[in-house]
Amino acid sequence: MVSRKGVCFVKVERGKKQKVNINEAKQEDFEQLPGIGPSIAKKIIEYREQNGKFTSIDELQEVKGIGEAKFENIKEYIMVK
């Protein structure tokens, strides 16, 4: 995934778009998502460590700092696996 001027591009491998798996993503992976900086990326990882794997992308909204608007901006770039 590449971020340029607030626009997020999904990484393409072997002709397929690759979404960020929020259950395995590292801080730098989260920081490539639109509107996610170091502080929120860290909160996502802390939430995952304390609560276990996400069961759906909607659960990401339980993380402090991820409201409805921010979630709407990133949902097309994320997945759970």
PDB file of N, CA and C in Angstrom:
ATOM      1  N   MET A   1       0.849  -1.169   0.000  1.00  0.00           N
ATOM      2  CA  MET A   1       0.000   0.000   0.000  1.00  0.00           C
ATOM      3  C   MET A   1       0.895   1.233   0.000  1.00  0.00           C
ATOM      4  N   VAL A   2       0.555   2.207  -0.800  1.00  0.00           N
ATOM      5  CA  VAL A   2       1.345   3.422  -0.905  1.00  0.00           C
ATOM      6  C   VAL A   2       0.449   4.607  -0.602  1.00  0.00           C
ATOM      7  N   SER A   3       0.979   5.535   0.186  1.00  0.00           N
ATOM      8  CA  SER A   3       0.199   6.714   0.539  1.00  0.00           C
ATOM      9  C   SER A   3       0.898   7.947  -0.018  1.00  0.00           C
ATOM     10  N   ARG A   4       0.130   8.794  -0.701  1.00  0.00           N
ATOM     11  CA  ARG A   4       0.671  10.006  -1.260  1.00  0.00           C
ATOM     12  C   ARG A   4      -0.332  11.136  -1.070  1.00  0.00           C
ATOM     13  N   LYS A   5       0.053  12.161  -0.350  1.00  0.00           N
ATOM     14  CA  LYS A   5      -0.807  13.326  -0.129  1.00  0.00           C
ATOM     15  C   LYS A   5      -2.195  12.942   0.361  1.00  0.00           C
ATOM     16  N   GLY A   6      -2.257  12.005   1.321  1.00  0.00           N
ATOM     17  CA  GLY A   6      -3.528  11.626   1.908  1.00  0.00           C
ATOM     18  C   GLY A   6      -4.352  10.664   1.078  1.00  0.00           C
ATOM     19  N   VAL A   7      -3.822  10.244  -0.077  1.00  0.00           N
ATOM     20  CA  VAL A   7      -4.536   9.283  -0.919  1.00  0.00           C
ATOM     21  C   VAL A   7      -3.877   7.929  -0.738  1.00  0.00           C
ATOM     22  N   CYS A   8      -4.690   6.925  -0.475  1.00  0.00           N
ATOM     23  CA  CYS A   8      -4.178   5.599  -0.194  1.00  0.00           C
ATOM     24  C   CYS A   8      -4.392   4.691  -1.402  1.00  0.00           C
ATOM     25  N   PHE A   9      -3.336   4.033  -1.788  1.00  0.00           N
ATOM     26  CA  PHE A   9      -3.423   3.097  -2.900  1.00  0.00           C
ATOM     27  C   PHE A   9      -3.158   1.699  -2.374  1.00  0.00           C
ATOM     28  N   VAL A  10      -4.031   0.772  -2.704  1.00  0.00           N
ATOM     29  CA  VAL A  10      -3.869  -0.608  -2.272  1.00  0.00           C
ATOM     30  C   VAL A  10      -2.760  -1.240  -3.094  1.00  0.00           C
ATOM     31  N   LYS A  11      -1.884  -1.949  -2.410  1.00  0.00           N
ATOM     32  CA  LYS A  11      -0.781  -2.642  -3.054  1.00  0.00           C
ATOM     33  C   LYS A  11      -1.324  -3.728  -3.984  1.00  0.00           C
ATOM     34  N   VAL A  12      -0.736  -3.839  -5.139  1.00  0.00           N
ATOM     35  CA  VAL A  12      -1.167  -4.860  -6.093  1.00  0.00           C
ATOM     36  C   VAL A  12      -0.054  -5.891  -6.231  1.00  0.00           C
ATOM     37  N   GLU A  13      -0.393  -7.140  -5.960  1.00  0.00           N
ATOM     38  CA  GLU A  13       0.541  -8.245  -6.112  1.00  0.00           C
ATOM     39  C   GLU A  13      -0.088  -9.302  -6.994  1.00  0.00           C
ATOM     40  N   ARG A  14       0.666  -9.724  -7.999  1.00  0.00           N
ATOM     41  CA  ARG A  14       0.182 -10.750  -8.934  1.00  0.00           C
ATOM     42  C   ARG A  14      -1.181 -10.394  -9.521  1.00  0.00           C
ATOM     43  N   GLY A  15      -1.358  -9.108  -9.815  1.00  0.00           N
ATOM     44  CA  GLY A  15      -2.592  -8.666 -10.442  1.00  0.00           C
ATOM     45  C   GLY A  15      -3.782  -8.542  -9.509  1.00  0.00           C
ATOM     46  N   LYS A  16      -3.579  -8.777  -8.200  1.00  0.00           N
ATOM     47  CA  LYS A  16      -4.676  -8.702  -7.231  1.00  0.00           C
ATOM     48  C   LYS A  16      -4.416  -7.578  -6.235  1.00  0.00           C
ATOM     49  N   LYS A  17      -5.468  -6.851  -5.895  1.00  0.00           N
ATOM     50  CA  LYS A  17      -5.367  -5.823  -4.864  1.00  0.00           C
ATOM     51  C   LYS A  17      -5.278  -6.506  -3.504  1.00  0.00           C
ATOM     52  N   GLN A  18      -4.357  -6.057  -2.681  1.00  0.00           N
ATOM     53  CA  GLN A  18      -4.152  -6.639  -1.364  1.00  0.00           C
ATOM     54  C   GLN A  18      -4.628  -5.660  -0.286  1.00  0.00           C
ATOM     55  N   LYS A  19      -5.620  -6.067   0.488  1.00  0.00           N
ATOM     56  CA  LYS A  19      -6.095  -5.242   1.596  1.00  0.00           C
ATOM     57  C   LYS A  19      -5.252  -5.528   2.827  1.00  0.00           C
ATOM     58  N   VAL A  20      -5.280  -4.607   3.780  1.00  0.00           N
ATOM     59  CA  VAL A  20      -4.559  -4.776   5.031  1.00  0.00           C
ATOM     60  C   VAL A  20      -5.372  -5.684   5.950  1.00  0.00           C
ATOM     61  N   ASN A  21      -4.771  -6.784   6.366  1.00  0.00           N
ATOM     62  CA  ASN A  21      -5.400  -7.688   7.330  1.00  0.00           C
ATOM     63  C   ASN A  21      -5.160  -7.090   8.716  1.00  0.00           C
ATOM     64  N   ILE A  22      -6.198  -6.563   9.333  1.00  0.00           N
ATOM     65  CA  ILE A  22      -6.025  -5.865  10.612  1.00  0.00           C
ATOM     66  C   ILE A  22      -5.646  -6.803  11.753  1.00  0.00           C
ATOM     67  N   ASN A  23      -5.728  -8.103  11.535  1.00  0.00           N
ATOM     68  CA  ASN A  23      -5.302  -9.051  12.571  1.00  0.00           C
ATOM     69  C   ASN A  23      -3.812  -9.342  12.517  1.00  0.00           C
ATOM     70  N   GLU A  24      -3.145  -8.955  11.452  1.00  0.00           N
ATOM     71  CA  GLU A  24      -1.715  -9.224  11.316  1.00  0.00           C
ATOM     72  C   GLU A  24      -0.892  -7.980  11.031  1.00  0.00           C
ATOM     73  N   ALA A  25      -1.546  -6.866  10.744  1.00  0.00           N
ATOM     74  CA  ALA A  25      -0.845  -5.654  10.324  1.00  0.00           C
ATOM     75  C   ALA A  25       0.074  -5.116  11.416  1.00  0.00           C
ATOM     76  N   LYS A  26       1.187  -4.560  10.979  1.00  0.00           N
ATOM     77  CA  LYS A  26       2.147  -3.887  11.855  1.00  0.00           C
ATOM     78  C   LYS A  26       1.810  -2.400  11.860  1.00  0.00           C
ATOM     79  N   GLN A  27       2.454  -1.678  12.746  1.00  0.00           N
ATOM     80  CA  GLN A  27       2.174  -0.251  12.873  1.00  0.00           C
ATOM     81  C   GLN A  27       2.337   0.468  11.537  1.00  0.00           C
ATOM     82  N   GLU A  28       3.408   0.196  10.830  1.00  0.00           N
ATOM     83  CA  GLU A  28       3.640   0.889   9.560  1.00  0.00           C
ATOM     84  C   GLU A  28       2.575   0.561   8.518  1.00  0.00           C
ATOM     85  N   ASP A  29       1.987  -0.637   8.603  1.00  0.00           N
ATOM     86  CA  ASP A  29       0.890  -0.988   7.691  1.00  0.00           C
ATOM     87  C   ASP A  29      -0.338  -0.121   7.974  1.00  0.00           C
ATOM     88  N   PHE A  30      -0.665   0.032   9.254  1.00  0.00           N
ATOM     89  CA  PHE A  30      -1.809   0.868   9.618  1.00  0.00           C
ATOM     90  C   PHE A  30      -1.584   2.321   9.234  1.00  0.00           C
ATOM     91  N   GLU A  31      -0.354   2.785   9.361  1.00  0.00           N
ATOM     92  CA  GLU A  31      -0.047   4.181   9.063  1.00  0.00           C
ATOM     93  C   GLU A  31      -0.191   4.514   7.581  1.00  0.00           C
ATOM     94  N   GLN A  32      -0.265   3.508   6.731  1.00  0.00           N
ATOM     95  CA  GLN A  32      -0.476   3.736   5.305  1.00  0.00           C
ATOM     96  C   GLN A  32      -1.949   3.986   4.978  1.00  0.00           C
ATOM     97  N   LEU A  33      -2.825   3.692   5.918  1.00  0.00           N
ATOM     98  CA  LEU A  33      -4.256   3.905   5.704  1.00  0.00           C
ATOM     99  C   LEU A  33      -4.589   5.387   5.846  1.00  0.00           C
ATOM    100  N   PRO A  34      -5.543   5.888   5.070  1.00  0.00           N
ATOM    101  CA  PRO A  34      -5.872   7.315   5.141  1.00  0.00           C
ATOM    102  C   PRO A  34      -6.383   7.718   6.521  1.00  0.00           C
ATOM    103  N   GLY A  35      -5.749   8.750   7.089  1.00  0.00           N
ATOM    104  CA  GLY A  35      -6.183   9.277   8.377  1.00  0.00           C
ATOM    105  C   GLY A  35      -5.657   8.539   9.595  1.00  0.00           C
ATOM    106  N   ILE A  36      -4.816   7.520   9.389  1.00  0.00           N
ATOM    107  CA  ILE A  36      -4.264   6.761  10.511  1.00  0.00           C
ATOM    108  C   ILE A  36      -2.794   7.141  10.681  1.00  0.00           C
ATOM    109  N   GLY A  37      -2.500   7.765  11.809  1.00  0.00           N
ATOM    110  CA  GLY A  37      -1.128   8.138  12.121  1.00  0.00           C
ATOM    111  C   GLY A  37      -0.552   7.198  13.169  1.00  0.00           C
ATOM    112  N   PRO A  38       0.639   7.512  13.664  1.00  0.00           N
ATOM    113  CA  PRO A  38       1.305   6.640  14.632  1.00  0.00           C
ATOM    114  C   PRO A  38       0.501   6.388  15.903  1.00  0.00           C
ATOM    115  N   SER A  39      -0.169   7.398  16.413  1.00  0.00           N
ATOM    116  CA  SER A  39      -0.920   7.263  17.656  1.00  0.00           C
ATOM    117  C   SER A  39      -2.087   6.285  17.513  1.00  0.00           C
ATOM    118  N   ILE A  40      -2.876   6.441  16.467  1.00  0.00           N
ATOM    119  CA  ILE A  40      -4.034   5.549  16.261  1.00  0.00           C
ATOM    120  C   ILE A  40      -3.552   4.147  15.898  1.00  0.00           C
ATOM    121  N   ALA A  41      -2.500   4.056  15.094  1.00  0.00           N
ATOM    122  CA  ALA A  41      -1.958   2.742  14.731  1.00  0.00           C
ATOM    123  C   ALA A  41      -1.564   1.977  15.993  1.00  0.00           C
ATOM    124  N   LYS A  42      -0.937   2.667  16.914  1.00  0.00           N
ATOM    125  CA  LYS A  42      -0.523   2.039  18.174  1.00  0.00           C
ATOM    126  C   LYS A  42      -1.755   1.588  18.979  1.00  0.00           C
ATOM    127  N   LYS A  43      -2.801   2.413  19.000  1.00  0.00           N
ATOM    128  CA  LYS A  43      -4.028   2.062  19.724  1.00  0.00           C
ATOM    129  C   LYS A  43      -4.696   0.823  19.127  1.00  0.00           C
ATOM    130  N   ILE A  44      -4.649   0.706  17.803  1.00  0.00           N
ATOM    131  CA  ILE A  44      -5.235  -0.474  17.149  1.00  0.00           C
ATOM    132  C   ILE A  44      -4.485  -1.735  17.584  1.00  0.00           C
ATOM    133  N   ILE A  45      -3.179  -1.666  17.577  1.00  0.00           N
ATOM    134  CA  ILE A  45      -2.359  -2.820  17.954  1.00  0.00           C
ATOM    135  C   ILE A  45      -2.561  -3.157  19.431  1.00  0.00           C
ATOM    136  N   GLU A  46      -2.614  -2.151  20.287  1.00  0.00           N
ATOM    137  CA  GLU A  46      -2.855  -2.387  21.713  1.00  0.00           C
ATOM    138  C   GLU A  46      -4.219  -3.036  21.935  1.00  0.00           C
ATOM    139  N   TYR A  47      -5.225  -2.563  21.217  1.00  0.00           N
ATOM    140  CA  TYR A  47      -6.567  -3.153  21.333  1.00  0.00           C
ATOM    141  C   TYR A  47      -6.516  -4.626  20.930  1.00  0.00           C
ATOM    142  N   ARG A  48      -5.867  -4.909  19.835  1.00  0.00           N
ATOM    143  CA  ARG A  48      -5.770  -6.285  19.340  1.00  0.00           C
ATOM    144  C   ARG A  48      -5.027  -7.178  20.333  1.00  0.00           C
ATOM    145  N   GLU A  49      -3.964  -6.661  20.936  1.00  0.00           N
ATOM    146  CA  GLU A  49      -3.198  -7.440  21.916  1.00  0.00           C
ATOM    147  C   GLU A  49      -4.012  -7.720  23.176  1.00  0.00           C
ATOM    148  N   GLN A  50      -4.853  -6.773  23.581  1.00  0.00           N
ATOM    149  CA  GLN A  50      -5.651  -6.923  24.795  1.00  0.00           C
ATOM    150  C   GLN A  50      -6.924  -7.737  24.589  1.00  0.00           C
ATOM    151  N   ASN A  51      -7.486  -7.687  23.382  1.00  0.00           N
ATOM    152  CA  ASN A  51      -8.795  -8.298  23.125  1.00  0.00           C
ATOM    153  C   ASN A  51      -8.769  -9.486  22.169  1.00  0.00           C
ATOM    154  N   GLY A  52      -7.619  -9.770  21.629  1.00  0.00           N
ATOM    155  CA  GLY A  52      -7.530 -10.856  20.656  1.00  0.00           C
ATOM    156  C   GLY A  52      -7.850 -10.364  19.258  1.00  0.00           C
ATOM    157  N   LYS A  53      -7.853 -11.299  18.332  1.00  0.00           N
ATOM    158  CA  LYS A  53      -8.080 -10.948  16.929  1.00  0.00           C
ATOM    159  C   LYS A  53      -9.454 -10.322  16.714  1.00  0.00           C
ATOM    160  N   PHE A  54      -9.506  -9.439  15.730  1.00  0.00           N
ATOM    161  CA  PHE A  54     -10.765  -8.824  15.334  1.00  0.00           C
ATOM    162  C   PHE A  54     -11.624  -9.883  14.647  1.00  0.00           C
ATOM    163  N   THR A  55     -12.917  -9.870  14.907  1.00  0.00           N
ATOM    164  CA  THR A  55     -13.816 -10.830  14.265  1.00  0.00           C
ATOM    165  C   THR A  55     -14.462 -10.233  13.013  1.00  0.00           C
ATOM    166  N   SER A  56     -14.443  -8.907  12.899  1.00  0.00           N
ATOM    167  CA  SER A  56     -14.956  -8.223  11.707  1.00  0.00           C
ATOM    168  C   SER A  56     -14.279  -6.861  11.620  1.00  0.00           C
ATOM    169  N   ILE A  57     -14.322  -6.265  10.436  1.00  0.00           N
ATOM    170  CA  ILE A  57     -13.714  -4.937  10.314  1.00  0.00           C
ATOM    171  C   ILE A  57     -14.487  -3.908  11.133  1.00  0.00           C
ATOM    172  N   ASP A  58     -15.772  -4.133  11.337  1.00  0.00           N
ATOM    173  CA  ASP A  58     -16.593  -3.193  12.114  1.00  0.00           C
ATOM    174  C   ASP A  58     -16.094  -3.053  13.551  1.00  0.00           C
ATOM    175  N   GLU A  59     -15.486  -4.095  14.078  1.00  0.00           N
ATOM    176  CA  GLU A  59     -14.978  -4.068  15.455  1.00  0.00           C
ATOM    177  C   GLU A  59     -13.886  -3.018  15.628  1.00  0.00           C
ATOM    178  N   LEU A  60     -13.263  -2.621  14.541  1.00  0.00           N
ATOM    179  CA  LEU A  60     -12.218  -1.602  14.599  1.00  0.00           C
ATOM    180  C   LEU A  60     -12.753  -0.304  15.200  1.00  0.00           C
ATOM    181  N   GLN A  61     -14.060  -0.075  15.085  1.00  0.00           N
ATOM    182  CA  GLN A  61     -14.672   1.129  15.629  1.00  0.00           C
ATOM    183  C   GLN A  61     -14.668   1.149  17.155  1.00  0.00           C
ATOM    184  N   GLU A  62     -14.349   0.022  17.776  1.00  0.00           N
ATOM    185  CA  GLU A  62     -14.237  -0.034  19.235  1.00  0.00           C
ATOM    186  C   GLU A  62     -12.942   0.610  19.724  1.00  0.00           C
ATOM    187  N   VAL A  63     -11.995   0.811  18.815  1.00  0.00           N
ATOM    188  CA  VAL A  63     -10.708   1.417  19.161  1.00  0.00           C
ATOM    189  C   VAL A  63     -10.912   2.916  19.327  1.00  0.00           C
ATOM    190  N   LYS A  64     -10.433   3.440  20.464  1.00  0.00           N
ATOM    191  CA  LYS A  64     -10.554   4.881  20.718  1.00  0.00           C
ATOM    192  C   LYS A  64      -9.823   5.649  19.618  1.00  0.00           C
ATOM    193  N   GLY A  65     -10.530   6.579  19.003  1.00  0.00           N
ATOM    194  CA  GLY A  65      -9.954   7.377  17.923  1.00  0.00           C
ATOM    195  C   GLY A  65     -10.454   6.962  16.546  1.00  0.00           C
ATOM    196  N   ILE A  66     -11.139   5.816  16.473  1.00  0.00           N
ATOM    197  CA  ILE A  66     -11.711   5.373  15.200  1.00  0.00           C
ATOM    198  C   ILE A  66     -13.216   5.550  15.287  1.00  0.00           C
ATOM    199  N   GLY A  67     -13.665   6.667  14.797  1.00  0.00           N
ATOM    200  CA  GLY A  67     -15.100   6.924  14.775  1.00  0.00           C
ATOM    201  C   GLY A  67     -15.693   6.516  13.437  1.00  0.00           C
ATOM    202  N   GLU A  68     -16.938   6.839  13.260  1.00  0.00           N
ATOM    203  CA  GLU A  68     -17.653   6.450  12.042  1.00  0.00           C
ATOM    204  C   GLU A  68     -17.002   7.029  10.787  1.00  0.00           C
ATOM    205  N   ALA A  69     -16.633   8.299  10.827  1.00  0.00           N
ATOM    206  CA  ALA A  69     -16.051   8.947   9.639  1.00  0.00           C
ATOM    207  C   ALA A  69     -14.709   8.328   9.272  1.00  0.00           C
ATOM    208  N   LYS A  70     -13.854   8.126  10.251  1.00  0.00           N
ATOM    209  CA  LYS A  70     -12.542   7.538   9.983  1.00  0.00           C
ATOM    210  C   LYS A  70     -12.700   6.106   9.461  1.00  0.00           C
ATOM    211  N   PHE A  71     -13.632   5.362  10.074  1.00  0.00           N
ATOM    212  CA  PHE A  71     -13.879   3.997   9.631  1.00  0.00           C
ATOM    213  C   PHE A  71     -14.349   3.979   8.174  1.00  0.00           C
ATOM    214  N   GLU A  72     -15.248   4.882   7.822  1.00  0.00           N
ATOM    215  CA  GLU A  72     -15.747   4.953   6.447  1.00  0.00           C
ATOM    216  C   GLU A  72     -14.608   5.206   5.459  1.00  0.00           C
ATOM    217  N   ASN A  73     -13.604   5.992   5.881  1.00  0.00           N
ATOM    218  CA  ASN A  73     -12.475   6.306   5.000  1.00  0.00           C
ATOM    219  C   ASN A  73     -11.532   5.133   4.785  1.00  0.00           C
ATOM    220  N   ILE A  74     -11.497   4.185   5.726  1.00  0.00           N
ATOM    221  CA  ILE A  74     -10.522   3.093   5.607  1.00  0.00           C
ATOM    222  C   ILE A  74     -11.128   1.730   5.318  1.00  0.00           C
ATOM    223  N   LYS A  75     -12.420   1.583   5.442  1.00  0.00           N
ATOM    224  CA  LYS A  75     -13.025   0.238   5.366  1.00  0.00           C
ATOM    225  C   LYS A  75     -12.767  -0.481   4.047  1.00  0.00           C
ATOM    226  N   GLU A  76     -12.617   0.252   2.967  1.00  0.00           N
ATOM    227  CA  GLU A  76     -12.370  -0.413   1.683  1.00  0.00           C
ATOM    228  C   GLU A  76     -10.936  -0.935   1.563  1.00  0.00           C
ATOM    229  N   TYR A  77     -10.069  -0.538   2.493  1.00  0.00           N
ATOM    230  CA  TYR A  77      -8.670  -0.939   2.446  1.00  0.00           C
ATOM    231  C   TYR A  77      -8.306  -2.016   3.463  1.00  0.00           C
ATOM    232  N   ILE A  78      -9.280  -2.449   4.267  1.00  0.00           N
ATOM    233  CA  ILE A  78      -8.976  -3.393   5.355  1.00  0.00           C
ATOM    234  C   ILE A  78      -9.798  -4.665   5.251  1.00  0.00           C
ATOM    235  N   MET A  79      -9.327  -5.691   5.948  1.00  0.00           N
ATOM    236  CA  MET A  79     -10.021  -6.976   5.998  1.00  0.00           C
ATOM    237  C   MET A  79      -9.606  -7.715   7.263  1.00  0.00           C
ATOM    238  N   VAL A  80     -10.368  -8.743   7.617  1.00  0.00           N
ATOM    239  CA  VAL A  80      -9.954  -9.653   8.690  1.00  0.00           C
ATOM    240  C   VAL A  80      -9.787 -11.035   8.089  1.00  0.00           C
ATOM    241  N   LYS A  81      -8.799 -11.735   8.564  1.00  0.00           N
ATOM    242  CA  LYS A  81      -8.523 -13.066   8.057  1.00  0.00           C
ATOM    243  C   LYS A  81      -8.078 -13.937   9.202  1.00  0.00           C
TER     244      LYS A  81
END
